[in-house]
């Protein structure tokens, strides 16, 4: 009896264990794995149309016939539903375990499976023949995601819009831009300005306080003049 830790490629948090006799066939291993998948993803519609025989199994065997360690970045990303180059290479079609072969045949020359390792990589094909990872990538976007994508596109387009410098333009193009932007107007220059009839302010007498008699007398005289009295003379 061996304990194998399995992970579904493209499904986040999918590591789980399966106990099986190594004299059993890969086909029997698929059935055992499928029972775990149904229990783990019982509410996930994307697995409901799949049967045990559809599963594709691959040995998580790295260089030197070593098992794929759970401490590696590859496994950390695998558990998040991501597929690294190493996982990609381990799940090539020519490396798929064949259903009629005994499990023991694939374990020959390998260290005994232990914890903190991944031993079997599982690819779950969908009804259209794609893998679970590919199907997840083609899931229709929500309205909010479409709006965010469109806003991002428009923002980037505006940021990349061409900016012209007048020094780089020919005269004709410059005139068109100036006219379009209304940078100049036909402003008449022969307008006569009205005569300035404003009354100048009273000038305080230096070195005399504002409350002094001389200041008050001057202010009265100035006020009287401004009121029109000054036009008749003293």
C-alpha atoms as a PDB file:
ATOM      1  CA  UNK A   1       0.000   0.000   0.000  1.00  0.00           C
ATOM      2  CA  UNK A   2       1.359   3.402  -0.981  1.00  0.00           C
ATOM      3  CA  UNK A   3       0.176   6.924  -0.207  1.00  0.00           C
ATOM      4  CA  UNK A   4       0.368   9.209  -3.223  1.00  0.00           C
ATOM      5  CA  UNK A   5      -0.161  12.963  -3.078  1.00  0.00           C
ATOM      6  CA  UNK A   6      -1.909  14.252  -6.166  1.00  0.00           C
ATOM      7  CA  UNK A   7      -2.510  17.710  -7.593  1.00  0.00           C
ATOM      8  CA  UNK A   8      -4.879  18.789 -10.346  1.00  0.00           C
ATOM      9  CA  UNK A   9      -3.142  20.980 -12.892  1.00  0.00           C
ATOM     10  CA  UNK A  10      -5.017  24.273 -13.214  1.00  0.00           C
ATOM     11  CA  UNK A  11      -7.108  23.907 -10.024  1.00  0.00           C
ATOM     12  CA  UNK A  12      -6.114  26.017  -7.028  1.00  0.00           C
ATOM     13  CA  UNK A  13      -5.579  24.245  -3.702  1.00  0.00           C
ATOM     14  CA  UNK A  14      -6.042  20.825  -5.247  1.00  0.00           C
ATOM     15  CA  UNK A  15      -3.366  18.736  -3.469  1.00  0.00           C
ATOM     16  CA  UNK A  16      -4.837  15.599  -1.869  1.00  0.00           C
ATOM     17  CA  UNK A  17      -3.735  12.074  -0.969  1.00  0.00           C
ATOM     18  CA  UNK A  18      -4.785   8.697  -2.287  1.00  0.00           C
ATOM     19  CA  UNK A  19      -3.978   5.325  -0.699  1.00  0.00           C
ATOM     20  CA  UNK A  20      -3.697   2.376  -3.078  1.00  0.00           C
ATOM     21  CA  UNK A  21      -1.878  -0.930  -3.456  1.00  0.00           C
ATOM     22  CA  UNK A  22       1.042  -0.493  -5.850  1.00  0.00           C
ATOM     23  CA  UNK A  23       0.084  -3.770  -7.519  1.00  0.00           C
ATOM     24  CA  UNK A  24      -3.090  -2.121  -8.786  1.00  0.00           C
ATOM     25  CA  UNK A  25      -3.305  -0.678 -12.289  1.00  0.00           C
ATOM     26  CA  UNK A  26      -3.195   2.965 -13.294  1.00  0.00           C
ATOM     27  CA  UNK A  27      -6.869   2.579 -14.219  1.00  0.00           C
ATOM     28  CA  UNK A  28      -7.643   1.696 -10.597  1.00  0.00           C
ATOM     29  CA  UNK A  29      -5.615   4.718  -9.497  1.00  0.00           C
ATOM     30  CA  UNK A  30      -7.760   6.923 -11.739  1.00  0.00           C
ATOM     31  CA  UNK A  31     -10.897   5.653 -10.010  1.00  0.00           C
ATOM     32  CA  UNK A  32      -9.428   6.324  -6.569  1.00  0.00           C
ATOM     33  CA  UNK A  33      -8.372   9.827  -7.610  1.00  0.00           C
ATOM     34  CA  UNK A  34     -11.778  10.490  -9.151  1.00  0.00           C
ATOM     35  CA  UNK A  35     -13.530   9.655  -5.896  1.00  0.00           C
ATOM     36  CA  UNK A  36     -11.357  12.244  -4.120  1.00  0.00           C
ATOM     37  CA  UNK A  37     -12.052  14.830  -6.820  1.00  0.00           C
ATOM     38  CA  UNK A  38     -15.814  14.343  -6.528  1.00  0.00           C
ATOM     39  CA  UNK A  39     -15.624  14.769  -2.758  1.00  0.00           C
ATOM     40  CA  UNK A  40     -13.356  17.809  -2.973  1.00  0.00           C
ATOM     41  CA  UNK A  41     -15.112  19.599  -5.835  1.00  0.00           C
ATOM     42  CA  UNK A  42     -18.666  18.382  -5.247  1.00  0.00           C
ATOM     43  CA  UNK A  43     -20.111  21.844  -5.977  1.00  0.00           C
ATOM     44  CA  UNK A  44     -17.913  22.561  -8.996  1.00  0.00           C
ATOM     45  CA  UNK A  45     -19.911  22.148 -12.216  1.00  0.00           C
ATOM     46  CA  UNK A  46     -16.834  21.893 -14.433  1.00  0.00           C
ATOM     47  CA  UNK A  47     -16.021  18.423 -13.012  1.00  0.00           C
ATOM     48  CA  UNK A  48     -19.525  16.926 -13.105  1.00  0.00           C
ATOM     49  CA  UNK A  49     -19.380  15.815 -16.737  1.00  0.00           C
ATOM     50  CA  UNK A  50     -16.038  14.014 -16.298  1.00  0.00           C
ATOM     51  CA  UNK A  51     -15.615  10.305 -15.524  1.00  0.00           C
ATOM     52  CA  UNK A  52     -12.610   8.494 -14.053  1.00  0.00           C
ATOM     53  CA  UNK A  53     -11.413   7.165 -17.400  1.00  0.00           C
ATOM     54  CA  UNK A  54     -11.117  10.747 -18.713  1.00  0.00           C
ATOM     55  CA  UNK A  55      -8.383  11.636 -16.234  1.00  0.00           C
ATOM     56  CA  UNK A  56      -4.837  11.971 -17.502  1.00  0.00           C
ATOM     57  CA  UNK A  57      -2.171  11.048 -14.949  1.00  0.00           C
ATOM     58  CA  UNK A  58       1.506  12.010 -14.986  1.00  0.00           C
ATOM     59  CA  UNK A  59       4.317  11.117 -12.607  1.00  0.00           C
ATOM     60  CA  UNK A  60       5.731  14.167 -10.766  1.00  0.00           C
ATOM     61  CA  UNK A  61       9.273  12.949 -11.312  1.00  0.00           C
ATOM     62  CA  UNK A  62      12.069  15.518 -11.627  1.00  0.00           C
ATOM     63  CA  UNK A  63      15.794  15.210 -12.366  1.00  0.00           C
ATOM     64  CA  UNK A  64      17.561  12.311 -10.692  1.00  0.00           C
ATOM     65  CA  UNK A  65      14.267  10.452 -10.292  1.00  0.00           C
ATOM     66  CA  UNK A  66      13.353  12.737  -7.374  1.00  0.00           C
ATOM     67  CA  UNK A  67       9.769  13.529  -6.438  1.00  0.00           C
ATOM     68  CA  UNK A  68       8.520  17.081  -6.877  1.00  0.00           C
ATOM     69  CA  UNK A  69       9.013  18.791  -3.502  1.00  0.00           C
ATOM     70  CA  UNK A  70       6.142  20.771  -2.002  1.00  0.00           C
ATOM     71  CA  UNK A  71       8.668  23.422  -0.953  1.00  0.00           C
ATOM     72  CA  UNK A  72       9.483  24.426  -4.529  1.00  0.00           C
ATOM     73  CA  UNK A  73       8.019  27.459  -6.268  1.00  0.00           C
ATOM     74  CA  UNK A  74       6.606  25.124  -8.910  1.00  0.00           C
ATOM     75  CA  UNK A  75       4.376  23.379  -6.369  1.00  0.00           C
ATOM     76  CA  UNK A  76       3.428  26.637  -4.639  1.00  0.00           C
ATOM     77  CA  UNK A  77       2.234  28.014  -7.963  1.00  0.00           C
ATOM     78  CA  UNK A  78       0.630  24.689  -8.849  1.00  0.00           C
ATOM     79  CA  UNK A  79      -1.515  24.910  -5.709  1.00  0.00           C
ATOM     80  CA  UNK A  80      -2.630  28.381  -6.833  1.00  0.00           C
ATOM     81  CA  UNK A  81      -3.812  27.013 -10.147  1.00  0.00           C
ATOM     82  CA  UNK A  82      -0.766  28.173 -12.113  1.00  0.00           C
ATOM     83  CA  UNK A  83       1.279  26.075 -14.508  1.00  0.00           C
ATOM     84  CA  UNK A  84       5.057  26.533 -14.594  1.00  0.00           C
ATOM     85  CA  UNK A  85       7.473  25.407 -17.288  1.00  0.00           C
ATOM     86  CA  UNK A  86       8.451  22.393 -15.174  1.00  0.00           C
ATOM     87  CA  UNK A  87       4.851  21.263 -14.738  1.00  0.00           C
ATOM     88  CA  UNK A  88       4.326  21.827 -18.445  1.00  0.00           C
ATOM     89  CA  UNK A  89       7.238  19.524 -19.252  1.00  0.00           C
ATOM     90  CA  UNK A  90       6.055  16.858 -16.797  1.00  0.00           C
ATOM     91  CA  UNK A  91       2.591  16.733 -18.379  1.00  0.00           C
ATOM     92  CA  UNK A  92       3.664  16.191 -21.976  1.00  0.00           C
ATOM     93  CA  UNK A  93       1.471  13.722 -23.836  1.00  0.00           C
ATOM     94  CA  UNK A  94       4.219  11.120 -24.184  1.00  0.00           C
ATOM     95  CA  UNK A  95       4.611  10.986 -20.379  1.00  0.00           C
ATOM     96  CA  UNK A  96       1.009  10.061 -19.599  1.00  0.00           C
ATOM     97  CA  UNK A  97       0.568   6.966 -17.431  1.00  0.00           C
ATOM     98  CA  UNK A  98      -1.215   4.171 -19.267  1.00  0.00           C
ATOM     99  CA  UNK A  99      -4.325   2.694 -17.684  1.00  0.00           C
ATOM    100  CA  UNK A 100      -3.376  -0.958 -18.159  1.00  0.00           C
ATOM    101  CA  UNK A 101       0.076  -0.610 -16.570  1.00  0.00           C
ATOM    102  CA  UNK A 102       0.696  -1.511 -12.902  1.00  0.00           C
ATOM    103  CA  UNK A 103       1.493   1.360 -10.559  1.00  0.00           C
ATOM    104  CA  UNK A 104       4.583  -0.469  -9.312  1.00  0.00           C
ATOM    105  CA  UNK A 105       6.131  -0.225 -12.768  1.00  0.00           C
ATOM    106  CA  UNK A 106       6.198   3.565 -12.546  1.00  0.00           C
ATOM    107  CA  UNK A 107       7.567   3.527  -9.003  1.00  0.00           C
ATOM    108  CA  UNK A 108      10.638   1.469  -9.876  1.00  0.00           C
ATOM    109  CA  UNK A 109      13.871   3.328  -9.186  1.00  0.00           C
ATOM    110  CA  UNK A 110      12.025   6.009  -7.203  1.00  0.00           C
ATOM    111  CA  UNK A 111      12.373   6.794  -3.509  1.00  0.00           C
ATOM    112  CA  UNK A 112       9.432   5.739  -1.386  1.00  0.00           C
ATOM    113  CA  UNK A 113       6.728   8.458  -1.552  1.00  0.00           C
ATOM    114  CA  UNK A 114       6.701  10.737   1.493  1.00  0.00           C
ATOM    115  CA  UNK A 115       4.838  13.759   2.793  1.00  0.00           C
ATOM    116  CA  UNK A 116       5.691  17.244   1.494  1.00  0.00           C
ATOM    117  CA  UNK A 117       5.917  15.824  -2.005  1.00  0.00           C
ATOM    118  CA  UNK A 118       3.714  15.698  -5.078  1.00  0.00           C
ATOM    119  CA  UNK A 119       3.683  12.279  -6.750  1.00  0.00           C
ATOM    120  CA  UNK A 120       0.940  12.424  -9.373  1.00  0.00           C
ATOM    121  CA  UNK A 121      -0.126  15.335 -11.592  1.00  0.00           C
ATOM    122  CA  UNK A 122      -3.733  15.111 -12.748  1.00  0.00           C
ATOM    123  CA  UNK A 123      -5.093  16.755 -15.887  1.00  0.00           C
ATOM    124  CA  UNK A 124      -8.894  16.839 -16.126  1.00  0.00           C
ATOM    125  CA  UNK A 125     -10.099  17.180 -19.744  1.00  0.00           C
ATOM    126  CA  UNK A 126     -13.399  18.978 -20.285  1.00  0.00           C
ATOM    127  CA  UNK A 127     -16.153  17.899 -22.666  1.00  0.00           C
ATOM    128  CA  UNK A 128     -14.713  20.003 -25.480  1.00  0.00           C
ATOM    129  CA  UNK A 129     -11.383  18.213 -25.179  1.00  0.00           C
ATOM    130  CA  UNK A 130      -9.512  21.061 -23.485  1.00  0.00           C
ATOM    131  CA  UNK A 131      -7.870  20.761 -20.095  1.00  0.00           C
ATOM    132  CA  UNK A 132      -9.286  22.302 -16.943  1.00  0.00           C
ATOM    133  CA  UNK A 133      -6.630  25.018 -17.102  1.00  0.00           C
ATOM    134  CA  UNK A 134      -7.505  25.999 -20.664  1.00  0.00           C
ATOM    135  CA  UNK A 135     -11.224  26.032 -19.922  1.00  0.00           C
ATOM    136  CA  UNK A 136     -10.684  28.308 -16.937  1.00  0.00           C
ATOM    137  CA  UNK A 137      -8.774  30.723 -19.153  1.00  0.00           C
ATOM    138  CA  UNK A 138     -11.715  30.995 -21.585  1.00  0.00           C
ATOM    139  CA  UNK A 139     -14.404  31.625 -18.967  1.00  0.00           C
ATOM    140  CA  UNK A 140     -16.648  34.517 -20.141  1.00  0.00           C
ATOM    141  CA  UNK A 141     -15.850  37.856 -18.539  1.00  0.00           C
ATOM    142  CA  UNK A 142     -18.320  39.591 -16.264  1.00  0.00           C
ATOM    143  CA  UNK A 143     -19.772  43.000 -17.141  1.00  0.00           C
ATOM    144  CA  UNK A 144     -17.474  44.638 -14.578  1.00  0.00           C
ATOM    145  CA  UNK A 145     -14.399  42.945 -16.074  1.00  0.00           C
ATOM    146  CA  UNK A 146     -15.386  44.056 -19.584  1.00  0.00           C
ATOM    147  CA  UNK A 147     -15.854  47.654 -18.401  1.00  0.00           C
ATOM    148  CA  UNK A 148     -12.490  47.615 -16.615  1.00  0.00           C
ATOM    149  CA  UNK A 149     -10.762  46.252 -19.722  1.00  0.00           C
ATOM    150  CA  UNK A 150     -12.415  48.858 -21.954  1.00  0.00           C
ATOM    151  CA  UNK A 151     -11.551  51.735 -19.605  1.00  0.00           C
ATOM    152  CA  UNK A 152      -7.947  50.533 -19.443  1.00  0.00           C
ATOM    153  CA  UNK A 153      -7.780  50.378 -23.238  1.00  0.00           C
ATOM    154  CA  UNK A 154      -9.184  53.893 -23.665  1.00  0.00           C
ATOM    155  CA  UNK A 155      -6.878  55.306 -20.987  1.00  0.00           C
ATOM    156  CA  UNK A 156      -3.793  53.751 -22.572  1.00  0.00           C
ATOM    157  CA  UNK A 157      -4.910  54.949 -25.992  1.00  0.00           C
ATOM    158  CA  UNK A 158      -5.234  58.536 -24.766  1.00  0.00           C
ATOM    159  CA  UNK A 159      -1.841  58.368 -23.050  1.00  0.00           C
ATOM    160  CA  UNK A 160      -0.234  57.194 -26.267  1.00  0.00           C
ATOM    161  CA  UNK A 161      -1.934  59.849 -28.397  1.00  0.00           C
ATOM    162  CA  UNK A 162       0.505  61.826 -30.528  1.00  0.00           C
ATOM    163  CA  UNK A 163       1.647  65.181 -29.134  1.00  0.00           C
ATOM    164  CA  UNK A 164       2.797  67.822 -31.612  1.00  0.00           C
ATOM    165  CA  UNK A 165       5.273  70.626 -31.075  1.00  0.00           C
ATOM    166  CA  UNK A 166       4.866  73.776 -33.172  1.00  0.00           C
ATOM    167  CA  UNK A 167       8.566  73.608 -33.974  1.00  0.00           C
ATOM    168  CA  UNK A 168       7.936  70.258 -35.693  1.00  0.00           C
ATOM    169  CA  UNK A 169       5.011  71.461 -37.822  1.00  0.00           C
ATOM    170  CA  UNK A 170       4.957  73.129 -41.204  1.00  0.00           C
ATOM    171  CA  UNK A 171       3.192  76.486 -41.571  1.00  0.00           C
ATOM    172  CA  UNK A 172       0.000  75.097 -43.071  1.00  0.00           C
ATOM    173  CA  UNK A 173      -0.463  72.474 -40.352  1.00  0.00           C
ATOM    174  CA  UNK A 174       0.348  74.996 -37.647  1.00  0.00           C
ATOM    175  CA  UNK A 175      -2.284  77.411 -38.961  1.00  0.00           C
ATOM    176  CA  UNK A 176      -4.900  74.651 -39.071  1.00  0.00           C
ATOM    177  CA  UNK A 177      -4.201  73.658 -35.470  1.00  0.00           C
ATOM    178  CA  UNK A 178      -4.186  77.277 -34.265  1.00  0.00           C
ATOM    179  CA  UNK A 179      -7.476  77.941 -36.054  1.00  0.00           C
ATOM    180  CA  UNK A 180      -9.049  74.742 -34.735  1.00  0.00           C
ATOM    181  CA  UNK A 181      -7.966  75.511 -31.177  1.00  0.00           C
ATOM    182  CA  UNK A 182      -9.062  79.171 -31.559  1.00  0.00           C
ATOM    183  CA  UNK A 183      -5.778  80.407 -30.239  1.00  0.00           C
ATOM    184  CA  UNK A 184      -6.163  83.746 -32.073  1.00  0.00           C
ATOM    185  CA  UNK A 185      -9.102  86.095 -32.529  1.00  0.00           C
ATOM    186  CA  UNK A 186      -9.616  89.179 -34.728  1.00  0.00           C
ATOM    187  CA  UNK A 187      -9.419  91.777 -31.998  1.00  0.00           C
ATOM    188  CA  UNK A 188      -9.867  95.427 -33.197  1.00  0.00           C
ATOM    189  CA  UNK A 189      -6.940  97.687 -32.311  1.00  0.00           C
ATOM    190  CA  UNK A 190      -8.448 101.169 -33.120  1.00  0.00           C
ATOM    191  CA  UNK A 191     -10.722 101.473 -30.083  1.00  0.00           C
ATOM    192  CA  UNK A 192     -10.481 104.846 -28.261  1.00  0.00           C
ATOM    193  CA  UNK A 193     -10.186 104.411 -24.545  1.00  0.00           C
ATOM    194  CA  UNK A 194     -12.568 106.603 -22.455  1.00  0.00           C
ATOM    195  CA  UNK A 195     -11.140 109.616 -20.654  1.00  0.00           C
ATOM    196  CA  UNK A 196     -10.063 108.892 -17.108  1.00  0.00           C
ATOM    197  CA  UNK A 197     -12.323 111.051 -14.888  1.00  0.00           C
ATOM    198  CA  UNK A 198     -11.608 109.278 -11.647  1.00  0.00           C
ATOM    199  CA  UNK A 199     -10.826 111.416  -8.588  1.00  0.00           C
ATOM    200  CA  UNK A 200      -7.399 110.860  -7.095  1.00  0.00           C
ATOM    201  CA  UNK A 201      -7.260 109.882  -3.454  1.00  0.00           C
ATOM    202  CA  UNK A 202      -6.338 112.341  -0.702  1.00  0.00           C
ATOM    203  CA  UNK A 203      -2.638 112.528   0.034  1.00  0.00           C
ATOM    204  CA  UNK A 204      -1.903 112.491   3.745  1.00  0.00           C
ATOM    205  CA  UNK A 205       0.450 115.206   5.041  1.00  0.00           C
ATOM    206  CA  UNK A 206       3.762 113.589   5.986  1.00  0.00           C
ATOM    207  CA  UNK A 207       4.944 113.702   9.593  1.00  0.00           C
ATOM    208  CA  UNK A 208       1.475 114.740  10.821  1.00  0.00           C
ATOM    209  CA  UNK A 209      -0.681 112.248  12.704  1.00  0.00           C
ATOM    210  CA  UNK A 210      -3.920 111.159  11.075  1.00  0.00           C
ATOM    211  CA  UNK A 211      -5.866 112.748  13.960  1.00  0.00           C
ATOM    212  CA  UNK A 212      -3.997 116.043  13.736  1.00  0.00           C
ATOM    213  CA  UNK A 213      -5.847 119.312  13.020  1.00  0.00           C
ATOM    214  CA  UNK A 214      -3.959 119.897   9.786  1.00  0.00           C
ATOM    215  CA  UNK A 215      -4.923 116.467   8.484  1.00  0.00           C
ATOM    216  CA  UNK A 216      -8.609 117.020   9.331  1.00  0.00           C
ATOM    217  CA  UNK A 217      -8.658 120.459   7.734  1.00  0.00           C
ATOM    218  CA  UNK A 218      -7.052 119.100   4.592  1.00  0.00           C
ATOM    219  CA  UNK A 219      -9.505 116.240   4.450  1.00  0.00           C
ATOM    220  CA  UNK A 220     -12.471 118.621   4.699  1.00  0.00           C
ATOM    221  CA  UNK A 221     -11.100 120.826   1.948  1.00  0.00           C
ATOM    222  CA  UNK A 222     -10.446 117.832  -0.272  1.00  0.00           C
ATOM    223  CA  UNK A 223     -13.937 116.444   0.369  1.00  0.00           C
ATOM    224  CA  UNK A 224     -15.552 119.770  -0.419  1.00  0.00           C
ATOM    225  CA  UNK A 225     -13.617 120.020  -3.649  1.00  0.00           C
ATOM    226  CA  UNK A 226     -14.496 116.522  -4.689  1.00  0.00           C
ATOM    227  CA  UNK A 227     -18.168 117.237  -3.991  1.00  0.00           C
ATOM    228  CA  UNK A 228     -18.111 119.981  -6.596  1.00  0.00           C
ATOM    229  CA  UNK A 229     -17.500 123.036  -4.452  1.00  0.00           C
ATOM    230  CA  UNK A 230     -14.099 123.583  -5.896  1.00  0.00           C
ATOM    231  CA  UNK A 231     -15.523 124.416  -9.316  1.00  0.00           C
ATOM    232  CA  UNK A 232     -16.754 127.782  -8.020  1.00  0.00           C
ATOM    233  CA  UNK A 233     -13.411 128.816  -6.652  1.00  0.00           C
ATOM    234  CA  UNK A 234     -12.532 129.974  -3.164  1.00  0.00           C
END
